[in-house]
């Protein structure tokens, strides 16, 4: 009887120890799993934030590039206008000078004398 009681008591202790060990291992596993899952979620959120930041930078750079393109186009137009005005002004000056009679200067006379005397 005592042997049977001791054996059943040992069986109970063994069963309880196995059960407690399984519960402890399950808790540890669940804790490690939850921790890894939260770490992964945190990394994913960080990557999402980085992607969002990079997308914003791309939009900013595209906007700057667009503004620079507009400035270049405006500058080209301004340069073209200045060049056309300079050409028109030069042409008008040439026409005006061609219409005006030119009076001979002493320099012109000296050059003419040198040419004739040769």
N, C-alpha and C. Protein backbone atom coordinates (compact mmCIF):
# COMPACT_ATOMS: atom_id res chain seq x y z
N UNK A 1 0.78 -1.17 0.00
CA UNK A 1 0.00 0.00 0.00
C UNK A 1 0.85 1.27 0.00
N UNK A 2 1.81 1.26 0.85
CA UNK A 2 2.68 2.41 0.91
C UNK A 2 3.46 2.57 -0.40
N UNK A 3 3.84 1.51 -0.99
CA UNK A 3 4.58 1.54 -2.25
C UNK A 3 3.68 2.09 -3.35
N UNK A 4 2.42 1.66 -3.33
CA UNK A 4 1.48 2.15 -4.32
C UNK A 4 1.20 3.64 -4.08
N UNK A 5 1.10 4.03 -2.84
CA UNK A 5 0.86 5.42 -2.50
C UNK A 5 2.05 6.28 -2.91
N UNK A 6 3.26 5.75 -2.63
CA UNK A 6 4.47 6.46 -3.01
C UNK A 6 4.57 6.56 -4.52
N UNK A 7 4.25 5.48 -5.19
CA UNK A 7 4.30 5.47 -6.66
C UNK A 7 3.27 6.44 -7.25
N UNK A 8 2.07 6.48 -6.72
CA UNK A 8 1.05 7.40 -7.24
C UNK A 8 1.43 8.84 -6.91
N UNK A 9 2.04 9.01 -5.72
CA UNK A 9 2.49 10.36 -5.36
C UNK A 9 3.60 10.82 -6.31
N UNK A 10 4.51 9.95 -6.65
CA UNK A 10 5.60 10.27 -7.60
C UNK A 10 5.02 10.56 -8.98
N UNK A 11 4.01 9.79 -9.34
CA UNK A 11 3.36 10.01 -10.63
C UNK A 11 2.71 11.40 -10.65
N UNK A 12 2.06 11.79 -9.58
CA UNK A 12 1.44 13.11 -9.49
C UNK A 12 2.49 14.22 -9.57
N UNK A 13 3.58 14.05 -8.83
CA UNK A 13 4.64 15.05 -8.82
C UNK A 13 5.25 15.17 -10.22
N UNK A 14 5.48 14.02 -10.85
CA UNK A 14 6.06 14.02 -12.20
C UNK A 14 5.11 14.70 -13.19
N UNK A 15 3.84 14.38 -13.13
CA UNK A 15 2.85 14.98 -14.01
C UNK A 15 2.79 16.48 -13.79
N UNK A 16 2.80 16.88 -12.51
CA UNK A 16 2.75 18.30 -12.20
C UNK A 16 4.01 19.01 -12.70
N UNK A 17 5.16 18.39 -12.53
CA UNK A 17 6.42 18.99 -12.99
C UNK A 17 6.43 19.12 -14.51
N UNK A 18 5.95 18.11 -15.21
CA UNK A 18 5.88 18.16 -16.68
C UNK A 18 4.92 19.28 -17.10
N UNK A 19 3.79 19.35 -16.45
CA UNK A 19 2.80 20.36 -16.79
C UNK A 19 3.36 21.77 -16.53
N UNK A 20 4.00 21.99 -15.39
CA UNK A 20 4.58 23.29 -15.08
C UNK A 20 5.69 23.66 -16.07
N UNK A 21 6.50 22.66 -16.43
CA UNK A 21 7.59 22.91 -17.38
C UNK A 21 7.02 23.26 -18.75
N UNK A 22 5.99 22.55 -19.17
CA UNK A 22 5.36 22.86 -20.45
C UNK A 22 4.76 24.26 -20.44
N UNK A 23 4.10 24.63 -19.36
CA UNK A 23 3.51 25.96 -19.25
C UNK A 23 4.60 27.04 -19.29
N UNK A 24 5.69 26.79 -18.55
CA UNK A 24 6.79 27.76 -18.54
C UNK A 24 7.40 27.89 -19.93
N UNK A 25 7.64 26.79 -20.59
CA UNK A 25 8.20 26.82 -21.95
C UNK A 25 7.25 27.50 -22.94
N UNK A 26 5.96 27.23 -22.78
CA UNK A 26 4.97 27.90 -23.65
C UNK A 26 4.98 29.41 -23.42
N UNK A 27 5.04 29.83 -22.13
CA UNK A 27 5.10 31.26 -21.84
C UNK A 27 6.37 31.89 -22.43
N UNK A 28 7.50 31.23 -22.26
CA UNK A 28 8.76 31.75 -22.80
C UNK A 28 8.70 31.83 -24.32
N UNK A 29 8.15 30.77 -24.92
CA UNK A 29 8.03 30.77 -26.39
C UNK A 29 7.10 31.89 -26.84
N UNK A 30 5.95 32.03 -26.18
CA UNK A 30 4.98 33.06 -26.53
C UNK A 30 5.62 34.45 -26.36
N UNK A 31 6.38 34.65 -25.26
CA UNK A 31 7.03 35.93 -25.02
C UNK A 31 8.05 36.22 -26.13
N UNK A 32 8.88 35.23 -26.46
CA UNK A 32 9.89 35.41 -27.52
C UNK A 32 9.21 35.68 -28.86
N UNK A 33 8.13 34.97 -29.14
CA UNK A 33 7.40 35.16 -30.39
C UNK A 33 6.79 36.55 -30.45
N UNK A 34 6.13 36.97 -29.38
CA UNK A 34 5.52 38.30 -29.33
C UNK A 34 6.57 39.40 -29.47
N UNK A 35 7.70 39.21 -28.80
CA UNK A 35 8.78 40.19 -28.88
C UNK A 35 9.32 40.29 -30.31
N UNK A 36 9.53 39.14 -30.95
CA UNK A 36 10.01 39.14 -32.34
C UNK A 36 8.98 39.78 -33.26
N UNK A 37 7.71 39.50 -33.03
CA UNK A 37 6.65 40.07 -33.85
C UNK A 37 6.60 41.58 -33.69
N UNK A 38 6.71 42.07 -32.46
CA UNK A 38 6.68 43.51 -32.22
C UNK A 38 7.91 44.18 -32.83
N UNK A 39 9.05 43.51 -32.75
CA UNK A 39 10.27 44.06 -33.35
C UNK A 39 10.11 44.15 -34.87
N UNK A 40 9.54 43.13 -35.48
CA UNK A 40 9.31 43.13 -36.92
C UNK A 40 8.34 44.23 -37.31
N UNK A 41 7.26 44.37 -36.54
CA UNK A 41 6.29 45.44 -36.81
C UNK A 41 6.94 46.81 -36.70
N UNK A 42 7.78 47.00 -35.69
CA UNK A 42 8.49 48.27 -35.53
C UNK A 42 9.41 48.55 -36.70
N UNK A 43 10.12 47.53 -37.17
CA UNK A 43 11.00 47.70 -38.32
C UNK A 43 10.19 48.04 -39.58
N UNK A 44 9.05 47.40 -39.73
CA UNK A 44 8.19 47.69 -40.89
C UNK A 44 7.67 49.12 -40.84
N UNK A 45 7.27 49.59 -39.65
CA UNK A 45 6.81 50.97 -39.52
C UNK A 45 7.95 51.95 -39.84
N UNK A 46 9.15 51.62 -39.37
CA UNK A 46 10.31 52.47 -39.65
C UNK A 46 10.58 52.51 -41.16
N UNK A 47 10.52 51.39 -41.81
CA UNK A 47 10.75 51.33 -43.26
C UNK A 47 9.65 52.12 -43.99
N UNK A 48 8.42 52.00 -43.52
CA UNK A 48 7.32 52.76 -44.13
C UNK A 48 7.56 54.26 -43.99
N UNK A 49 8.03 54.68 -42.82
CA UNK A 49 8.33 56.10 -42.60
C UNK A 49 9.47 56.56 -43.52
N UNK A 50 10.48 55.70 -43.66
CA UNK A 50 11.60 56.05 -44.54
C UNK A 50 11.12 56.17 -45.99
N UNK A 51 10.26 55.25 -46.41
CA UNK A 51 9.72 55.30 -47.77
C UNK A 51 8.92 56.58 -47.96
N UNK A 52 8.10 56.91 -46.99
CA UNK A 52 7.28 58.12 -47.07
C UNK A 52 8.16 59.37 -47.14
N UNK A 53 9.21 59.41 -46.33
CA UNK A 53 10.14 60.54 -46.34
C UNK A 53 10.83 60.65 -47.70
N UNK A 54 11.26 59.53 -48.25
CA UNK A 54 11.91 59.55 -49.56
C UNK A 54 10.94 59.99 -50.66
N UNK A 55 9.69 59.57 -50.56
CA UNK A 55 8.70 60.00 -51.54
C UNK A 55 8.48 61.50 -51.46
N UNK A 56 8.47 62.04 -50.25
CA UNK A 56 8.33 63.49 -50.09
C UNK A 56 9.53 64.21 -50.69
N UNK A 57 10.72 63.68 -50.46
CA UNK A 57 11.92 64.29 -51.04
C UNK A 57 11.87 64.25 -52.55
N UNK A 58 11.39 63.15 -53.11
CA UNK A 58 11.27 63.04 -54.57
C UNK A 58 10.32 64.12 -55.09
N UNK A 59 9.20 64.31 -54.39
CA UNK A 59 8.24 65.34 -54.81
C UNK A 59 8.86 66.73 -54.73
N UNK A 60 9.62 66.98 -53.66
CA UNK A 60 10.28 68.28 -53.52
C UNK A 60 11.29 68.50 -54.65
N UNK A 61 12.07 67.48 -54.95
CA UNK A 61 13.08 67.60 -56.01
C UNK A 61 12.41 67.79 -57.36
N UNK A 62 11.31 67.07 -57.60
CA UNK A 62 10.58 67.23 -58.86
C UNK A 62 10.04 68.66 -58.97
N UNK A 63 9.54 69.19 -57.85
CA UNK A 63 9.03 70.56 -57.85
C UNK A 63 10.16 71.54 -58.13
N UNK A 64 11.31 71.36 -57.49
CA UNK A 64 12.46 72.23 -57.72
C UNK A 64 12.91 72.14 -59.17
N UNK A 65 12.92 70.94 -59.71
CA UNK A 65 13.32 70.74 -61.10
C UNK A 65 12.35 71.44 -62.05
N UNK A 66 11.08 71.34 -61.74
CA UNK A 66 10.07 72.01 -62.57
C UNK A 66 10.26 73.52 -62.53
N UNK A 67 10.49 74.06 -61.32
CA UNK A 67 10.72 75.50 -61.18
C UNK A 67 11.98 75.92 -61.93
N UNK A 68 13.02 75.10 -61.84
CA UNK A 68 14.27 75.41 -62.55
C UNK A 68 14.03 75.41 -64.05
N UNK A 69 13.24 74.46 -64.53
CA UNK A 69 12.91 74.41 -65.96
C UNK A 69 12.18 75.66 -66.41
N UNK A 70 11.26 76.13 -65.58
CA UNK A 70 10.52 77.35 -65.91
C UNK A 70 11.48 78.54 -65.93
N UNK A 71 12.38 78.60 -64.96
CA UNK A 71 13.36 79.70 -64.91
C UNK A 71 14.26 79.67 -66.15
N UNK A 72 14.68 78.48 -66.55
CA UNK A 72 15.52 78.36 -67.74
C UNK A 72 14.76 78.85 -68.97
N UNK A 73 13.52 78.42 -69.10
CA UNK A 73 12.70 78.84 -70.24
C UNK A 73 12.53 80.36 -70.23
N UNK A 74 12.27 80.93 -69.06
CA UNK A 74 12.13 82.39 -68.96
C UNK A 74 13.43 83.09 -69.32
N UNK A 75 14.55 82.54 -68.85
CA UNK A 75 15.85 83.13 -69.15
C UNK A 75 16.14 83.07 -70.64
N UNK A 76 15.83 81.95 -71.26
CA UNK A 76 16.03 81.82 -72.70
C UNK A 76 15.20 82.86 -73.45
N UNK A 77 13.97 83.04 -73.02
CA UNK A 77 13.08 84.02 -73.66
C UNK A 77 13.63 85.43 -73.47
N UNK A 78 14.12 85.73 -72.27
CA UNK A 78 14.69 87.05 -72.00
C UNK A 78 15.92 87.30 -72.86
N UNK A 79 16.80 86.30 -72.94
CA UNK A 79 18.00 86.44 -73.77
C UNK A 79 17.62 86.63 -75.23
N UNK A 80 16.64 85.88 -75.69
CA UNK A 80 16.18 86.00 -77.07
C UNK A 80 15.64 87.42 -77.33
N UNK A 81 14.83 87.93 -76.38
CA UNK A 81 14.29 89.29 -76.52
C UNK A 81 15.40 90.33 -76.55
N UNK A 82 16.38 90.19 -75.67
CA UNK A 82 17.50 91.14 -75.64
C UNK A 82 18.27 91.10 -76.95
N UNK A 83 18.54 89.89 -77.44
CA UNK A 83 19.27 89.75 -78.70
C UNK A 83 18.50 90.38 -79.86
N UNK A 84 17.20 90.13 -79.91
CA UNK A 84 16.39 90.71 -80.99
C UNK A 84 16.37 92.23 -80.90
N UNK A 85 16.25 92.76 -79.68
CA UNK A 85 16.27 94.22 -79.52
C UNK A 85 17.63 94.79 -79.95
N UNK A 86 18.69 94.08 -79.60
CA UNK A 86 20.03 94.56 -79.97
C UNK A 86 20.18 94.55 -81.49
N UNK A 87 19.68 93.51 -82.13
CA UNK A 87 19.76 93.43 -83.60
C UNK A 87 18.93 94.54 -84.22
N UNK A 88 17.70 94.72 -83.72
CA UNK A 88 16.84 95.79 -84.24
C UNK A 88 17.49 97.15 -84.03
N UNK A 89 18.02 97.36 -82.85
CA UNK A 89 18.66 98.64 -82.55
C UNK A 89 19.86 98.88 -83.45
N UNK A 90 20.63 97.83 -83.68
CA UNK A 90 21.81 97.95 -84.54
C UNK A 90 21.38 98.25 -85.97
N UNK A 91 20.34 97.59 -86.43
CA UNK A 91 19.85 97.81 -87.78
C UNK A 91 19.31 99.23 -87.93
N UNK A 92 18.61 99.70 -86.91
CA UNK A 92 18.07 101.06 -86.97
C UNK A 92 19.20 102.08 -86.95
N UNK A 93 20.20 101.85 -86.16
CA UNK A 93 21.34 102.76 -86.10
C UNK A 93 22.06 102.79 -87.44
N UNK A 94 22.24 101.63 -88.04
CA UNK A 94 22.91 101.56 -89.34
C UNK A 94 22.11 102.32 -90.39
N UNK A 95 20.79 102.16 -90.39
CA UNK A 95 19.95 102.86 -91.36
C UNK A 95 20.00 104.37 -91.13
N UNK A 96 19.97 104.76 -89.87
CA UNK A 96 20.01 106.18 -89.53
C UNK A 96 21.34 106.78 -89.96
N UNK A 97 22.42 106.08 -89.70
CA UNK A 97 23.74 106.58 -90.07
C UNK A 97 23.89 106.64 -91.60
N UNK A 98 23.30 105.71 -92.28
CA UNK A 98 23.41 105.67 -93.74
C UNK A 98 22.65 106.85 -94.35
N UNK A 99 21.59 107.31 -93.73
CA UNK A 99 20.80 108.42 -94.26
C UNK A 99 21.44 109.78 -93.97
N UNK A 100 22.16 109.88 -92.87
CA UNK A 100 22.74 111.17 -92.48
C UNK A 100 24.00 111.45 -93.30
N UNK A 101 24.13 112.66 -93.81
CA UNK A 101 25.37 112.99 -94.51
C UNK A 101 26.48 113.13 -93.48
N UNK A 102 27.62 112.64 -93.87
CA UNK A 102 28.73 112.64 -92.94
C UNK A 102 29.69 113.76 -93.31
N UNK A 103 30.08 114.52 -92.34
CA UNK A 103 31.03 115.60 -92.61
C UNK A 103 32.44 115.06 -92.44
N UNK A 104 33.30 115.51 -93.26
CA UNK A 104 34.68 115.04 -93.23
C UNK A 104 35.40 115.65 -92.04
N UNK A 105 36.17 114.83 -91.37
CA UNK A 105 36.97 115.31 -90.25
C UNK A 105 38.40 115.45 -90.70
N UNK A 106 39.21 116.06 -89.88
CA UNK A 106 40.62 116.23 -90.26
C UNK A 106 41.31 114.87 -90.38
N UNK A 107 40.87 113.95 -89.65
CA UNK A 107 41.45 112.60 -89.73
C UNK A 107 41.14 112.00 -91.09
N UNK A 108 39.87 112.13 -91.50
CA UNK A 108 39.48 111.62 -92.82
C UNK A 108 40.31 112.30 -93.92
N UNK A 109 40.52 113.60 -93.78
CA UNK A 109 41.28 114.36 -94.77
C UNK A 109 42.72 113.87 -94.81
N UNK A 110 43.30 113.65 -93.66
CA UNK A 110 44.67 113.15 -93.58
C UNK A 110 44.78 111.78 -94.24
N UNK A 111 43.85 110.92 -93.97
CA UNK A 111 43.89 109.58 -94.56
C UNK A 111 43.71 109.66 -96.08
N UNK A 112 42.87 110.53 -96.53
CA UNK A 112 42.65 110.69 -97.96
C UNK A 112 43.92 111.23 -98.63
N UNK A 113 44.58 112.15 -97.98
CA UNK A 113 45.80 112.73 -98.54
C UNK A 113 46.88 111.66 -98.65
N UNK A 114 47.00 110.83 -97.64
CA UNK A 114 47.98 109.75 -97.69
C UNK A 114 47.69 108.80 -98.82
N UNK A 115 46.43 108.51 -99.02
CA UNK A 115 46.04 107.57 -100.06
C UNK A 115 46.32 108.14 -101.46
N UNK A 116 46.01 109.40 -101.63
CA UNK A 116 46.21 110.05 -102.94
C UNK A 116 47.70 110.22 -103.22
N UNK A 117 48.47 110.54 -102.22
CA UNK A 117 49.88 110.80 -102.41
C UNK A 117 50.66 109.53 -102.74
N UNK A 118 50.17 108.45 -102.50
CA UNK A 118 50.89 107.21 -102.75
C UNK A 118 50.94 106.93 -104.17
